[in-house]
PDB file of N, CA and C in Angstrom:
ATOM      1  N   MET A   1      57.365  29.101 -99.496  1.00  0.00           N
ATOM      2  CA  MET A   1      57.058  29.886 -98.560  1.00  0.00           C
ATOM      3  C   MET A   1      56.182  29.057 -97.371  1.00  0.00           C
ATOM      4  N   CYS A   2      55.534  27.813 -97.902  1.00  0.00           N
ATOM      5  CA  CYS A   2      54.737  27.092 -96.863  1.00  0.00           C
ATOM      6  C   CYS A   2      55.776  26.241 -96.025  1.00  0.00           C
ATOM      7  N   ARG A   3      57.026  26.054 -96.403  1.00  0.00           N
ATOM      8  CA  ARG A   3      57.900  25.347 -95.567  1.00  0.00           C
ATOM      9  C   ARG A   3      58.318  26.225 -94.513  1.00  0.00           C
ATOM     10  N   GLN A   4      58.291  27.391 -94.210  1.00  0.00           N
ATOM     11  CA  GLN A   4      58.653  28.085 -93.478  1.00  0.00           C
ATOM     12  C   GLN A   4      57.753  28.265 -92.057  1.00  0.00           C
ATOM     13  N   ASP A   5      58.185  28.376 -90.842  1.00  0.00           N
ATOM     14  CA  ASP A   5      57.202  28.919 -89.717  1.00  0.00           C
ATOM     15  C   ASP A   5      56.592  30.204 -90.216  1.00  0.00           C
ATOM     16  N   VAL A   6      55.008  29.863 -89.560  1.00  0.00           N
ATOM     17  CA  VAL A   6      54.175  31.154 -90.031  1.00  0.00           C
ATOM     18  C   VAL A   6      54.647  32.102 -88.876  1.00  0.00           C
ATOM     19  N   PRO A   7      54.634  33.129 -89.240  1.00  0.00           N
ATOM     20  CA  PRO A   7      54.894  34.287 -88.249  1.00  0.00           C
ATOM     21  C   PRO A   7      53.776  34.558 -87.255  1.00  0.00           C
ATOM     22  N   ALA A   8      54.127  34.627 -85.971  1.00  0.00           N
ATOM     23  CA  ALA A   8      53.114  34.897 -84.921  1.00  0.00           C
ATOM     24  C   ALA A   8      52.640  36.360 -85.131  1.00  0.00           C
ATOM     25  N   SER A   9      51.417  36.538 -84.867  1.00  0.00           N
ATOM     26  CA  SER A   9      50.896  37.931 -84.913  1.00  0.00           C
ATOM     27  C   SER A   9      51.432  38.917 -83.792  1.00  0.00           C
ATOM     28  N   ARG A  10      51.237  40.020 -83.913  1.00  0.00           N
ATOM     29  CA  ARG A  10      51.797  41.023 -83.099  1.00  0.00           C
ATOM     30  C   ARG A  10      51.099  40.657 -81.384  1.00  0.00           C
ATOM     31  N   SER A  11      49.821  40.425 -81.742  1.00  0.00           N
ATOM     32  CA  SER A  11      49.112  40.348 -80.398  1.00  0.00           C
ATOM     33  C   SER A  11      49.622  39.117 -79.643  1.00  0.00           C
ATOM     34  N   ALA A  12      49.769  37.877 -80.450  1.00  0.00           N
ATOM     35  CA  ALA A  12      50.234  36.659 -80.010  1.00  0.00           C
ATOM     36  C   ALA A  12      51.816  36.982 -79.296  1.00  0.00           C
ATOM     37  N   GLY A  13      52.599  37.435 -79.947  1.00  0.00           N
ATOM     38  CA  GLY A  13      53.854  37.732 -79.514  1.00  0.00           C
ATOM     39  C   GLY A  13      53.883  38.752 -78.178  1.00  0.00           C
ATOM     40  N   TRP A  14      53.137  39.669 -78.152  1.00  0.00           N
ATOM     41  CA  TRP A  14      52.864  40.395 -77.058  1.00  0.00           C
ATOM     42  C   TRP A  14      52.264  39.398 -75.859  1.00  0.00           C
ATOM     43  N   GLN A  15      51.298  38.728 -76.064  1.00  0.00           N
ATOM     44  CA  GLN A  15      50.690  37.730 -74.908  1.00  0.00           C
ATOM     45  C   GLN A  15      51.939  37.018 -74.367  1.00  0.00           C
ATOM     46  N   GLU A  16      52.780  36.344 -75.205  1.00  0.00           N
ATOM     47  CA  GLU A  16      53.702  35.831 -74.889  1.00  0.00           C
ATOM     48  C   GLU A  16      54.622  36.167 -74.076  1.00  0.00           C
ATOM     49  N   HIS A  17      54.993  37.308 -74.654  1.00  0.00           N
ATOM     50  CA  HIS A  17      56.055  38.288 -73.638  1.00  0.00           C
ATOM     51  C   HIS A  17      55.597  38.483 -72.206  1.00  0.00           C
ATOM     52  N   MET A  18      54.243  38.948 -72.367  1.00  0.00           N
ATOM     53  CA  MET A  18      53.586  39.133 -70.994  1.00  0.00           C
ATOM     54  C   MET A  18      53.609  37.978 -69.959  1.00  0.00           C
ATOM     55  N   ASN A  19      53.201  36.992 -70.664  1.00  0.00           N
ATOM     56  CA  ASN A  19      53.124  35.716 -69.964  1.00  0.00           C
ATOM     57  C   ASN A  19      54.563  35.350 -69.291  1.00  0.00           C
ATOM     58  N   ALA A  20      55.588  35.305 -70.221  1.00  0.00           N
ATOM     59  CA  ALA A  20      57.032  35.395 -69.663  1.00  0.00           C
ATOM     60  C   ALA A  20      57.417  36.060 -68.339  1.00  0.00           C
ATOM     61  N   LEU A  21      56.983  37.253 -68.841  1.00  0.00           N
ATOM     62  CA  LEU A  21      57.368  38.256 -67.868  1.00  0.00           C
ATOM     63  C   LEU A  21      56.884  38.086 -66.554  1.00  0.00           C
ATOM     64  N   ASN A  22      55.601  37.892 -66.404  1.00  0.00           N
ATOM     65  CA  ASN A  22      54.560  37.571 -65.180  1.00  0.00           C
ATOM     66  C   ASN A  22      55.196  36.370 -64.514  1.00  0.00           C
ATOM     67  N   ALA A  23      55.887  35.535 -65.012  1.00  0.00           N
ATOM     68  CA  ALA A  23      56.113  34.153 -64.649  1.00  0.00           C
ATOM     69  C   ALA A  23      57.714  34.604 -63.963  1.00  0.00           C
ATOM     70  N   LYS A  24      58.429  35.431 -64.771  1.00  0.00           N
ATOM     71  CA  LYS A  24      59.509  35.759 -64.314  1.00  0.00           C
ATOM     72  C   LYS A  24      59.476  36.696 -62.797  1.00  0.00           C
ATOM     73  N   VAL A  25      58.489  37.464 -62.901  1.00  0.00           N
ATOM     74  CA  VAL A  25      58.284  38.511 -61.726  1.00  0.00           C
ATOM     75  C   VAL A  25      57.960  37.563 -60.597  1.00  0.00           C
ATOM     76  N   MET A  26      56.754  36.668 -60.833  1.00  0.00           N
ATOM     77  CA  MET A  26      56.418  35.608 -59.644  1.00  0.00           C
ATOM     78  C   MET A  26      57.661  34.729 -59.368  1.00  0.00           C
ATOM     79  N   GLU A  27      58.316  34.362 -59.958  1.00  0.00           N
ATOM     80  CA  GLU A  27      59.687  33.366 -59.624  1.00  0.00           C
ATOM     81  C   GLU A  27      60.607  34.366 -58.653  1.00  0.00           C
ATOM     82  N   MET A  28      60.624  35.521 -59.184  1.00  0.00           N
ATOM     83  CA  MET A  28      61.711  36.443 -58.306  1.00  0.00           C
ATOM     84  C   MET A  28      61.029  36.751 -57.208  1.00  0.00           C
ATOM     85  N   PHE A  29      59.712  36.991 -57.090  1.00  0.00           N
ATOM     86  CA  PHE A  29      59.186  37.112 -55.622  1.00  0.00           C
ATOM     87  C   PHE A  29      59.148  35.918 -54.827  1.00  0.00           C
ATOM     88  N   MET A  30      58.732  34.895 -55.344  1.00  0.00           N
ATOM     89  CA  MET A  30      58.843  33.530 -54.636  1.00  0.00           C
ATOM     90  C   MET A  30      59.977  33.481 -53.897  1.00  0.00           C
ATOM     91  N   GLU A  31      61.257  33.890 -54.626  1.00  0.00           N
ATOM     92  CA  GLU A  31      62.557  33.654 -53.878  1.00  0.00           C
ATOM     93  C   GLU A  31      63.008  34.541 -52.947  1.00  0.00           C
ATOM     94  N   SER A  32      62.148  35.836 -52.699  1.00  0.00           N
ATOM     95  CA  SER A  32      62.606  36.982 -51.994  1.00  0.00           C
ATOM     96  C   SER A  32      62.171  36.599 -50.725  1.00  0.00           C
ATOM     97  N   PRO A  33      62.789  37.419 -49.610  1.00  0.00           N
ATOM     98  CA  PRO A  33      62.499  37.226 -48.373  1.00  0.00           C
ATOM     99  C   PRO A  33      61.114  37.499 -47.878  1.00  0.00           C
ATOM    100  N   ARG A  34      60.421  38.276 -48.521  1.00  0.00           N
ATOM    101  CA  ARG A  34      59.301  39.044 -48.253  1.00  0.00           C
ATOM    102  C   ARG A  34      58.004  37.991 -48.539  1.00  0.00           C
ATOM    103  N   CYS A  35      58.266  36.941 -49.434  1.00  0.00           N
ATOM    104  CA  CYS A  35      57.545  36.153 -49.982  1.00  0.00           C
ATOM    105  C   CYS A  35      56.751  35.200 -48.835  1.00  0.00           C
ATOM    106  N   PRO A  36      57.512  34.673 -47.871  1.00  0.00           N
ATOM    107  CA  PRO A  36      56.930  34.022 -46.758  1.00  0.00           C
ATOM    108  C   PRO A  36      55.892  34.667 -45.955  1.00  0.00           C
ATOM    109  N   ARG A  37      56.757  36.165 -45.495  1.00  0.00           N
ATOM    110  CA  ARG A  37      55.709  36.907 -44.513  1.00  0.00           C
ATOM    111  C   ARG A  37      54.279  37.363 -45.320  1.00  0.00           C
ATOM    112  N   ILE A  38      54.243  37.521 -46.630  1.00  0.00           N
ATOM    113  CA  ILE A  38      53.096  37.962 -47.017  1.00  0.00           C
ATOM    114  C   ILE A  38      52.227  36.623 -47.357  1.00  0.00           C
ATOM    115  N   GLN A  39      52.714  35.740 -47.673  1.00  0.00           N
ATOM    116  CA  GLN A  39      51.780  34.366 -47.725  1.00  0.00           C
ATOM    117  C   GLN A  39      51.497  33.889 -46.318  1.00  0.00           C
ATOM    118  N   LYS A  40      51.988  34.138 -45.345  1.00  0.00           N
ATOM    119  CA  LYS A  40      51.425  34.041 -44.018  1.00  0.00           C
ATOM    120  C   LYS A  40      50.236  34.672 -43.677  1.00  0.00           C
ATOM    121  N   ILE A  41      50.632  36.238 -44.077  1.00  0.00           N
ATOM    122  CA  ILE A  41      49.238  37.066 -43.653  1.00  0.00           C
ATOM    123  C   ILE A  41      48.164  36.743 -44.476  1.00  0.00           C
ATOM    124  N   ASP A  42      48.038  36.723 -46.128  1.00  0.00           N
ATOM    125  CA  ASP A  42      47.207  36.457 -47.055  1.00  0.00           C
ATOM    126  C   ASP A  42      47.668  35.916 -48.271  1.00  0.00           C
ATOM    127  N   PRO A  43      47.719  34.543 -48.392  1.00  0.00           N
ATOM    128  CA  PRO A  43      48.076  34.000 -49.602  1.00  0.00           C
ATOM    129  C   PRO A  43      47.428  34.482 -50.830  1.00  0.00           C
ATOM    130  N   SER A  44      46.194  34.945 -50.864  1.00  0.00           N
ATOM    131  CA  SER A  44      45.784  35.583 -52.169  1.00  0.00           C
ATOM    132  C   SER A  44      46.184  36.813 -52.509  1.00  0.00           C
ATOM    133  N   MET A  45      47.180  37.215 -51.825  1.00  0.00           N
ATOM    134  CA  MET A  45      47.884  38.748 -52.303  1.00  0.00           C
ATOM    135  C   MET A  45      48.699  38.462 -53.533  1.00  0.00           C
ATOM    136  N   LEU A  46      49.208  37.145 -53.797  1.00  0.00           N
ATOM    137  CA  LEU A  46      49.921  36.941 -54.951  1.00  0.00           C
ATOM    138  C   LEU A  46      49.113  36.667 -55.942  1.00  0.00           C
ATOM    139  N   LEU A  47      47.841  36.488 -56.041  1.00  0.00           N
ATOM    140  CA  LEU A  47      47.158  36.207 -56.994  1.00  0.00           C
ATOM    141  C   LEU A  47      46.708  36.870 -58.043  1.00  0.00           C
ATOM    142  N   LEU A  48      46.708  37.016 -59.372  1.00  0.00           N
ATOM    143  CA  LEU A  48      46.154  37.826 -60.578  1.00  0.00           C
ATOM    144  C   LEU A  48      44.858  38.642 -59.947  1.00  0.00           C
ATOM    145  N   ARG A  49      43.983  37.939 -59.365  1.00  0.00           N
ATOM    146  CA  ARG A  49      42.560  38.405 -59.032  1.00  0.00           C
ATOM    147  C   ARG A  49      42.823  39.550 -57.915  1.00  0.00           C
ATOM    148  N   PHE A  50      43.802  39.417 -56.874  1.00  0.00           N
ATOM    149  CA  PHE A  50      44.081  40.190 -56.149  1.00  0.00           C
ATOM    150  C   PHE A  50      44.495  41.878 -56.747  1.00  0.00           C
ATOM    151  N   ARG A  51      45.359  41.361 -57.561  1.00  0.00           N
ATOM    152  CA  ARG A  51      46.096  42.473 -58.172  1.00  0.00           C
ATOM    153  C   ARG A  51      45.495  43.574 -59.125  1.00  0.00           C
ATOM    154  N   LYS A  52      44.203  42.771 -59.719  1.00  0.00           N
ATOM    155  CA  LYS A  52      43.135  43.483 -60.583  1.00  0.00           C
ATOM    156  C   LYS A  52      42.249  43.992 -59.723  1.00  0.00           C
ATOM    157  N   THR A  53      41.962  43.453 -58.437  1.00  0.00           N
ATOM    158  CA  THR A  53      41.021  44.310 -57.493  1.00  0.00           C
ATOM    159  C   THR A  53      41.512  45.404 -57.068  1.00  0.00           C
ATOM    160  N   MET A  54      42.710  45.401 -56.695  1.00  0.00           N
ATOM    161  CA  MET A  54      43.810  46.526 -56.223  1.00  0.00           C
ATOM    162  C   MET A  54      43.731  47.594 -57.458  1.00  0.00           C
ATOM    163  N   SER A  55      43.916  47.125 -58.527  1.00  0.00           N
ATOM    164  CA  SER A  55      44.014  47.974 -59.558  1.00  0.00           C
ATOM    165  C   SER A  55      42.762  49.033 -59.728  1.00  0.00           C
ATOM    166  N   GLN A  56      41.706  48.773 -59.362  1.00  0.00           N
ATOM    167  CA  GLN A  56      40.374  49.136 -59.549  1.00  0.00           C
ATOM    168  C   GLN A  56      39.924  50.029 -58.382  1.00  0.00           C
ATOM    169  N   LEU A  57      40.838  50.163 -57.290  1.00  0.00           N
ATOM    170  CA  LEU A  57      40.631  51.085 -55.988  1.00  0.00           C
ATOM    171  C   LEU A  57      41.462  52.231 -56.377  1.00  0.00           C
ATOM    172  N   LEU A  58      41.193  53.436 -55.586  1.00  0.00           N
ATOM    173  CA  LEU A  58      41.886  54.569 -55.580  1.00  0.00           C
ATOM    174  C   LEU A  58      42.970  54.176 -54.923  1.00  0.00           C
ATOM    175  N   ARG A  59      43.992  55.137 -55.152  1.00  0.00           N
ATOM    176  CA  ARG A  59      45.350  54.814 -54.326  1.00  0.00           C
ATOM    177  C   ARG A  59      45.203  54.872 -52.979  1.00  0.00           C
ATOM    178  N   HIS A  60      44.495  55.529 -52.225  1.00  0.00           N
ATOM    179  CA  HIS A  60      44.468  55.794 -50.845  1.00  0.00           C
ATOM    180  C   HIS A  60      43.601  54.616 -50.348  1.00  0.00           C
ATOM    181  N   GLN A  61      42.514  53.946 -50.893  1.00  0.00           N
ATOM    182  CA  GLN A  61      41.983  52.700 -50.632  1.00  0.00           C
ATOM    183  C   GLN A  61      42.801  51.529 -50.646  1.00  0.00           C
ATOM    184  N   ALA A  62      43.545  51.340 -51.790  1.00  0.00           N
ATOM    185  CA  ALA A  62      44.416  50.334 -51.923  1.00  0.00           C
ATOM    186  C   ALA A  62      45.532  50.368 -50.985  1.00  0.00           C
ATOM    187  N   ILE A  63      45.770  51.590 -50.449  1.00  0.00           N
ATOM    188  CA  ILE A  63      47.216  51.327 -49.264  1.00  0.00           C
ATOM    189  C   ILE A  63      46.324  51.140 -48.018  1.00  0.00           C
ATOM    190  N   LEU A  64      45.518  51.642 -47.558  1.00  0.00           N
ATOM    191  CA  LEU A  64      44.648  51.101 -46.538  1.00  0.00           C
ATOM    192  C   LEU A  64      44.442  49.927 -46.514  1.00  0.00           C
ATOM    193  N   LEU A  65      43.862  49.091 -47.701  1.00  0.00           N
ATOM    194  CA  LEU A  65      43.638  47.730 -47.641  1.00  0.00           C
ATOM    195  C   LEU A  65      44.873  46.725 -47.352  1.00  0.00           C
ATOM    196  N   VAL A  66      45.999  47.244 -48.139  1.00  0.00           N
ATOM    197  CA  VAL A  66      47.168  46.668 -47.590  1.00  0.00           C
ATOM    198  C   VAL A  66      47.595  46.743 -46.198  1.00  0.00           C
ATOM    199  N   GLN A  67      47.661  47.902 -45.582  1.00  0.00           N
ATOM    200  CA  GLN A  67      47.848  48.084 -44.440  1.00  0.00           C
ATOM    201  C   GLN A  67      47.159  47.289 -43.487  1.00  0.00           C
ATOM    202  N   PHE A  68      45.960  47.224 -43.618  1.00  0.00           N
ATOM    203  CA  PHE A  68      45.097  46.382 -43.016  1.00  0.00           C
ATOM    204  C   PHE A  68      45.490  44.806 -43.012  1.00  0.00           C
ATOM    205  N   ARG A  69      45.518  44.425 -44.285  1.00  0.00           N
ATOM    206  CA  ARG A  69      46.098  42.999 -44.499  1.00  0.00           C
ATOM    207  C   ARG A  69      47.253  42.723 -43.879  1.00  0.00           C
ATOM    208  N   ARG A  70      48.274  43.687 -43.839  1.00  0.00           N
ATOM    209  CA  ARG A  70      49.696  43.293 -43.176  1.00  0.00           C
ATOM    210  C   ARG A  70      49.845  43.827 -41.609  1.00  0.00           C
ATOM    211  N   GLY A  71      48.737  44.356 -41.239  1.00  0.00           N
ATOM    212  CA  GLY A  71      48.597  44.614 -39.726  1.00  0.00           C
ATOM    213  C   GLY A  71      49.332  45.785 -39.431  1.00  0.00           C
ATOM    214  N   HIS A  72      49.722  46.647 -40.505  1.00  0.00           N
ATOM    215  CA  HIS A  72      50.452  48.071 -40.179  1.00  0.00           C
ATOM    216  C   HIS A  72      49.396  48.952 -39.946  1.00  0.00           C
ATOM    217  N   VAL A  73      48.609  49.013 -39.153  1.00  0.00           N
ATOM    218  CA  VAL A  73      47.533  49.945 -38.612  1.00  0.00           C
ATOM    219  C   VAL A  73      47.744  50.298 -37.125  1.00  0.00           C
ATOM    220  N   PRO A  74      47.515  51.465 -36.536  1.00  0.00           N
ATOM    221  CA  PRO A  74      47.701  51.839 -35.309  1.00  0.00           C
ATOM    222  C   PRO A  74      46.820  51.098 -34.409  1.00  0.00           C
ATOM    223  N   MET A  75      47.144  49.805 -34.245  1.00  0.00           N
ATOM    224  CA  MET A  75      46.535  49.065 -33.198  1.00  0.00           C
ATOM    225  C   MET A  75      47.435  48.569 -32.167  1.00  0.00           C
ATOM    226  N   GLN A  76      47.078  48.084 -31.134  1.00  0.00           N
ATOM    227  CA  GLN A  76      48.015  48.068 -29.870  1.00  0.00           C
ATOM    228  C   GLN A  76      49.145  47.203 -30.235  1.00  0.00           C
ATOM    229  N   LYS A  77      49.116  46.024 -30.969  1.00  0.00           N
ATOM    230  CA  LYS A  77      50.097  45.245 -31.187  1.00  0.00           C
ATOM    231  C   LYS A  77      51.222  45.740 -32.165  1.00  0.00           C
ATOM    232  N   TYR A  78      50.794  46.594 -33.174  1.00  0.00           N
ATOM    233  CA  TYR A  78      51.738  47.357 -34.050  1.00  0.00           C
ATOM    234  C   TYR A  78      52.534  48.514 -33.164  1.00  0.00           C
ATOM    235  N   LEU A  79      51.586  49.259 -32.380  1.00  0.00           N
ATOM    236  CA  LEU A  79      52.305  50.168 -31.636  1.00  0.00           C
ATOM    237  C   LEU A  79      53.416  49.734 -30.436  1.00  0.00           C
ATOM    238  N   TYR A  80      52.930  48.538 -30.186  1.00  0.00           N
ATOM    239  CA  TYR A  80      54.059  47.993 -29.190  1.00  0.00           C
ATOM    240  C   TYR A  80      55.382  47.749 -29.816  1.00  0.00           C
ATOM    241  N   ARG A  81      55.112  46.976 -30.980  1.00  0.00           N
ATOM    242  CA  ARG A  81      56.262  46.487 -31.740  1.00  0.00           C
ATOM    243  C   ARG A  81      57.107  47.688 -32.263  1.00  0.00           C
ATOM    244  N   ILE A  82      56.443  48.851 -32.781  1.00  0.00           N
ATOM    245  CA  ILE A  82      57.337  50.031 -32.904  1.00  0.00           C
ATOM    246  C   ILE A  82      57.775  51.109 -31.857  1.00  0.00           C
ATOM    247  N   GLY A  83      57.313  50.480 -30.667  1.00  0.00           N
ATOM    248  CA  GLY A  83      57.810  51.214 -29.282  1.00  0.00           C
ATOM    249  C   GLY A  83      56.846  52.541 -28.886  1.00  0.00           C
ATOM    250  N   LYS A  84      55.781  52.341 -29.299  1.00  0.00           N
ATOM    251  CA  LYS A  84      54.743  53.472 -29.259  1.00  0.00           C
ATOM    252  C   LYS A  84      53.599  53.065 -27.908  1.00  0.00           C
ATOM    253  N   ALA A  85      53.831  51.905 -27.782  1.00  0.00           N
ATOM    254  CA  ALA A  85      52.743  51.419 -26.587  1.00  0.00           C
ATOM    255  C   ALA A  85      53.497  50.742 -25.553  1.00  0.00           C
ATOM    256  N   GLU A  86      52.868  50.560 -24.402  1.00  0.00           N
ATOM    257  CA  GLU A  86      53.590  49.517 -23.163  1.00  0.00           C
ATOM    258  C   GLU A  86      53.218  48.287 -23.315  1.00  0.00           C
ATOM    259  N   SER A  87      52.130  47.818 -24.098  1.00  0.00           N
ATOM    260  CA  SER A  87      51.978  46.491 -24.119  1.00  0.00           C
ATOM    261  C   SER A  87      51.098  46.234 -25.510  1.00  0.00           C
ATOM    262  N   SER A  88      51.327  44.867 -25.781  1.00  0.00           N
ATOM    263  CA  SER A  88      50.284  44.802 -27.086  1.00  0.00           C
ATOM    264  C   SER A  88      49.197  44.176 -26.855  1.00  0.00           C
ATOM    265  N   LYS A  89      48.883  44.133 -25.565  1.00  0.00           N
ATOM    266  CA  LYS A  89      47.567  43.419 -25.370  1.00  0.00           C
ATOM    267  C   LYS A  89      46.299  44.552 -25.497  1.00  0.00           C
ATOM    268  N   CYS A  90      45.017  43.955 -25.682  1.00  0.00           N
ATOM    269  CA  CYS A  90      43.978  44.616 -26.005  1.00  0.00           C
ATOM    270  C   CYS A  90      43.763  45.188 -24.567  1.00  0.00           C
ATOM    271  N   PRO A  91      43.261  46.611 -25.035  1.00  0.00           N
ATOM    272  CA  PRO A  91      43.218  47.614 -23.571  1.00  0.00           C
ATOM    273  C   PRO A  91      41.745  47.137 -23.067  1.00  0.00           C
ATOM    274  N   THR A  92      40.743  46.719 -23.866  1.00  0.00           N
ATOM    275  CA  THR A  92      39.368  46.418 -23.589  1.00  0.00           C
ATOM    276  C   THR A  92      39.234  45.139 -22.855  1.00  0.00           C
ATOM    277  N   CYS A  93      39.747  43.924 -23.617  1.00  0.00           N
ATOM    278  CA  CYS A  93      39.223  42.717 -22.849  1.00  0.00           C
ATOM    279  C   CYS A  93      40.764  42.016 -22.170  1.00  0.00           C
ATOM    280  N   LYS A  94      41.763  42.754 -22.499  1.00  0.00           N
ATOM    281  CA  LYS A  94      43.105  42.048 -21.787  1.00  0.00           C
ATOM    282  C   LYS A  94      43.483  40.773 -21.879  1.00  0.00           C
ATOM    283  N   THR A  95      42.918  40.009 -23.031  1.00  0.00           N
ATOM    284  CA  THR A  95      43.171  38.622 -23.079  1.00  0.00           C
ATOM    285  C   THR A  95      44.211  38.516 -24.263  1.00  0.00           C
ATOM    286  N   ASP A  96      44.050  39.057 -25.388  1.00  0.00           N
ATOM    287  CA  ASP A  96      44.925  38.824 -26.683  1.00  0.00           C
ATOM    288  C   ASP A  96      45.466  39.916 -27.220  1.00  0.00           C
ATOM    289  N   ASP A  97      46.573  39.904 -27.894  1.00  0.00           N
ATOM    290  CA  ASP A  97      47.317  41.032 -28.534  1.00  0.00           C
ATOM    291  C   ASP A  97      46.043  41.663 -29.493  1.00  0.00           C
ATOM    292  N   LYS A  98      45.975  42.978 -29.466  1.00  0.00           N
ATOM    293  CA  LYS A  98      45.186  43.656 -30.468  1.00  0.00           C
ATOM    294  C   LYS A  98      45.613  43.937 -31.642  1.00  0.00           C
ATOM    295  N   THR A  99      44.908  43.303 -32.671  1.00  0.00           N
ATOM    296  CA  THR A  99      45.503  43.330 -34.147  1.00  0.00           C
ATOM    297  C   THR A  99      44.044  43.460 -34.721  1.00  0.00           C
ATOM    298  N   VAL A 100      43.713  43.519 -35.820  1.00  0.00           N
ATOM    299  CA  VAL A 100      42.834  44.069 -36.952  1.00  0.00           C
ATOM    300  C   VAL A 100      41.863  42.558 -36.564  1.00  0.00           C
ATOM    301  N   HIS A 101      42.308  41.315 -36.699  1.00  0.00           N
ATOM    302  CA  HIS A 101      41.635  40.050 -36.610  1.00  0.00           C
ATOM    303  C   HIS A 101      40.916  40.048 -35.244  1.00  0.00           C
ATOM    304  N   HIS A 102      41.771  40.246 -34.204  1.00  0.00           N
ATOM    305  CA  HIS A 102      41.115  40.365 -32.969  1.00  0.00           C
ATOM    306  C   HIS A 102      39.771  41.228 -32.949  1.00  0.00           C
ATOM    307  N   LEU A 103      39.955  42.509 -32.986  1.00  0.00           N
ATOM    308  CA  LEU A 103      39.270  43.640 -33.038  1.00  0.00           C
ATOM    309  C   LEU A 103      38.058  43.321 -33.730  1.00  0.00           C
ATOM    310  N   LEU A 104      37.998  42.760 -35.166  1.00  0.00           N
ATOM    311  CA  LEU A 104      36.820  42.435 -35.945  1.00  0.00           C
ATOM    312  C   LEU A 104      36.184  41.278 -35.567  1.00  0.00           C
ATOM    313  N   LEU A 105      36.931  40.248 -35.328  1.00  0.00           N
ATOM    314  CA  LEU A 105      36.166  38.886 -35.236  1.00  0.00           C
ATOM    315  C   LEU A 105      36.466  38.378 -33.918  1.00  0.00           C
ATOM    316  N   MET A 106      37.173  38.807 -32.950  1.00  0.00           N
ATOM    317  CA  MET A 106      37.440  37.708 -31.537  1.00  0.00           C
ATOM    318  C   MET A 106      37.012  38.555 -30.272  1.00  0.00           C
ATOM    319  N   CYS A 107      37.513  39.932 -30.173  1.00  0.00           N
ATOM    320  CA  CYS A 107      37.106  40.643 -29.113  1.00  0.00           C
ATOM    321  C   CYS A 107      36.004  40.558 -28.248  1.00  0.00           C
ATOM    322  N   PRO A 108      35.666  40.014 -27.186  1.00  0.00           N
ATOM    323  CA  PRO A 108      34.590  39.955 -26.336  1.00  0.00           C
ATOM    324  C   PRO A 108      33.862  41.339 -26.354  1.00  0.00           C
ATOM    325  N   ALA A 109      34.686  42.383 -26.115  1.00  0.00           N
ATOM    326  CA  ALA A 109      34.153  43.749 -25.820  1.00  0.00           C
ATOM    327  C   ALA A 109      33.005  44.222 -27.014  1.00  0.00           C
ATOM    328  N   TYR A 110      33.471  43.954 -28.421  1.00  0.00           N
ATOM    329  CA  TYR A 110      32.644  44.024 -29.389  1.00  0.00           C
ATOM    330  C   TYR A 110      31.677  42.991 -30.211  1.00  0.00           C
ATOM    331  N   MET A 111      31.456  42.316 -29.131  1.00  0.00           N
ATOM    332  CA  MET A 111      30.385  41.228 -29.736  1.00  0.00           C
ATOM    333  C   MET A 111      29.065  41.745 -30.137  1.00  0.00           C
ATOM    334  N   GLU A 112      28.636  42.633 -29.245  1.00  0.00           N
ATOM    335  CA  GLU A 112      27.261  43.098 -29.672  1.00  0.00           C
ATOM    336  C   GLU A 112      27.202  43.913 -30.989  1.00  0.00           C
ATOM    337  N   GLN A 113      28.318  44.762 -31.337  1.00  0.00           N
ATOM    338  CA  GLN A 113      28.362  45.350 -32.416  1.00  0.00           C
ATOM    339  C   GLN A 113      28.435  44.381 -33.871  1.00  0.00           C
ATOM    340  N   ARG A 114      29.392  43.240 -33.482  1.00  0.00           N
ATOM    341  CA  ARG A 114      29.320  42.247 -34.575  1.00  0.00           C
ATOM    342  C   ARG A 114      28.156  41.786 -34.951  1.00  0.00           C
ATOM    343  N   LYS A 115      27.196  41.430 -33.786  1.00  0.00           N
ATOM    344  CA  LYS A 115      25.909  40.873 -33.946  1.00  0.00           C
ATOM    345  C   LYS A 115      24.969  41.993 -34.483  1.00  0.00           C
ATOM    346  N   GLN A 116      25.017  43.031 -34.259  1.00  0.00           N
ATOM    347  CA  GLN A 116      24.159  44.070 -34.882  1.00  0.00           C
ATOM    348  C   GLN A 116      24.698  44.052 -36.555  1.00  0.00           C
ATOM    349  N   LEU A 117      25.842  44.154 -36.854  1.00  0.00           N
ATOM    350  CA  LEU A 117      26.491  44.236 -38.302  1.00  0.00           C
ATOM    351  C   LEU A 117      25.993  42.983 -38.848  1.00  0.00           C
ATOM    352  N   ALA A 118      26.154  41.883 -38.389  1.00  0.00           N
ATOM    353  CA  ALA A 118      25.459  40.774 -38.856  1.00  0.00           C
ATOM    354  C   ALA A 118      23.955  40.534 -39.309  1.00  0.00           C
ATOM    355  N   THR A 119      23.249  41.363 -38.215  1.00  0.00           N
ATOM    356  CA  THR A 119      21.823  41.324 -38.435  1.00  0.00           C
ATOM    357  C   THR A 119      21.600  42.309 -39.481  1.00  0.00           C
ATOM    358  N   ASP A 120      22.134  43.469 -39.645  1.00  0.00           N
ATOM    359  CA  ASP A 120      21.769  44.502 -40.613  1.00  0.00           C
ATOM    360  C   ASP A 120      22.306  43.905 -42.106  1.00  0.00           C
ATOM    361  N   LEU A 121      23.518  43.104 -42.331  1.00  0.00           N
ATOM    362  CA  LEU A 121      23.935  42.479 -43.497  1.00  0.00           C
ATOM    363  C   LEU A 121      23.039  41.542 -43.870  1.00  0.00           C
TER     364      LEU A 121
END
């Protein structure tokens, strides 16, 4: 009996199976046409930490977070892309495309609100 391989525990077998499955899923995703787009938007979306964080949110919260991260929110650039706006430019400053990034971090029209938020935080 001592000359045979020691049988793996059920838990160890399950962990090995899940690791192999996760590796296969990641490999398939890396080969998909969506992977470069998602990595360009946010490389952390592929990490296990991001998936665990998402699993802790309510469904509608997770959907909103992904929409914001991917830029699929009713902002000028997205509305222009789907044919619902005449221009992709920000209507307040008229310098850049109105995206989530532009609105939250760059638009000069909202500089005072950003300063107030930074002070409050």
